[in-house]
């Protein structure tokens, strides 16, 4: 029988530092053409109010993630994103395992953000602001602290009570106004499903770094036009140009793929304000799944 590994099994073996390093390798592989990956196939079910994405990639394994995004699940007490990753042997096509893709997505997304901050944020960054209070907010708190020694962590979310509870959980300070949480921050992580901007460019300190991972659809965004006038980096030009509301609604210019910067084929001035727009790509899932399977002895 094909083995299935659930969240607890994956969490028990997942090395977060190794995952951050794996995400760097994943973006380099994608931008240099070392991995094979088409843009994801997305099926929108308007009647159900959700969509399902098919995300294949070939690295040292052939992995396919199936992920559903159903925002209405929050009202049902269910997570909005649910996924599985099916892993095949690259050379024979034989199936190897099925993994809980929800947890892999959560952790690889926050690991990518941390890896971006490691490359783009000021070396002496001390203040981290997290916008949001869901699983991605928690994942970003876990990973961002591994790449910078923050003295202060701030939290803002539209639901003040939930923001306060999250802040108390992680030992951060909750703010009732997003502007107050963002001003003076060195790193800002936005992890919301906001349809309208929750961060404005005028609030950012010069040289700040923003990592935006919230899935807002093609007609929603977390960042306003002023934020998007800074140096914008992405995982994939094609994916971001087709799938990121932050980019589509602002008409922003993409400076480079982060993998190009990491591979040394593009440059970025990290003394300037930088914005990393993440929509998630299948190569990240494949690298994460391969890391997990190795740790599990699979």
Foldseek 3Di string as FASTA:
>chain_A
DAAEAEPVLLVVQDDLVVLLVLLLVLLLCVVVVQKDWDAWDKDDDVVQQKIWIWAWMGHQWTKIKIKIAHVCCVVVVDDRIWMKMWIAHPPPRHTHHIYGVVNLVLQSLLSPVLSCCLVQFDQAFAEEEEEDQDSNSVNVVVRNCVRHPHPAYEYEYCPQVSRVVSCVVSVHHYDDALLVRAAPGQEYEYAELAQEARDELVSHDWLHEYEYAHQPWQRGAHYDLNLLQWAEEESDPVNCCPTPNNCNVNVHDHQYHVSCCSVVNHHDDSSGYYYYYYHDHVSSVVSSVVSSCVSVVD
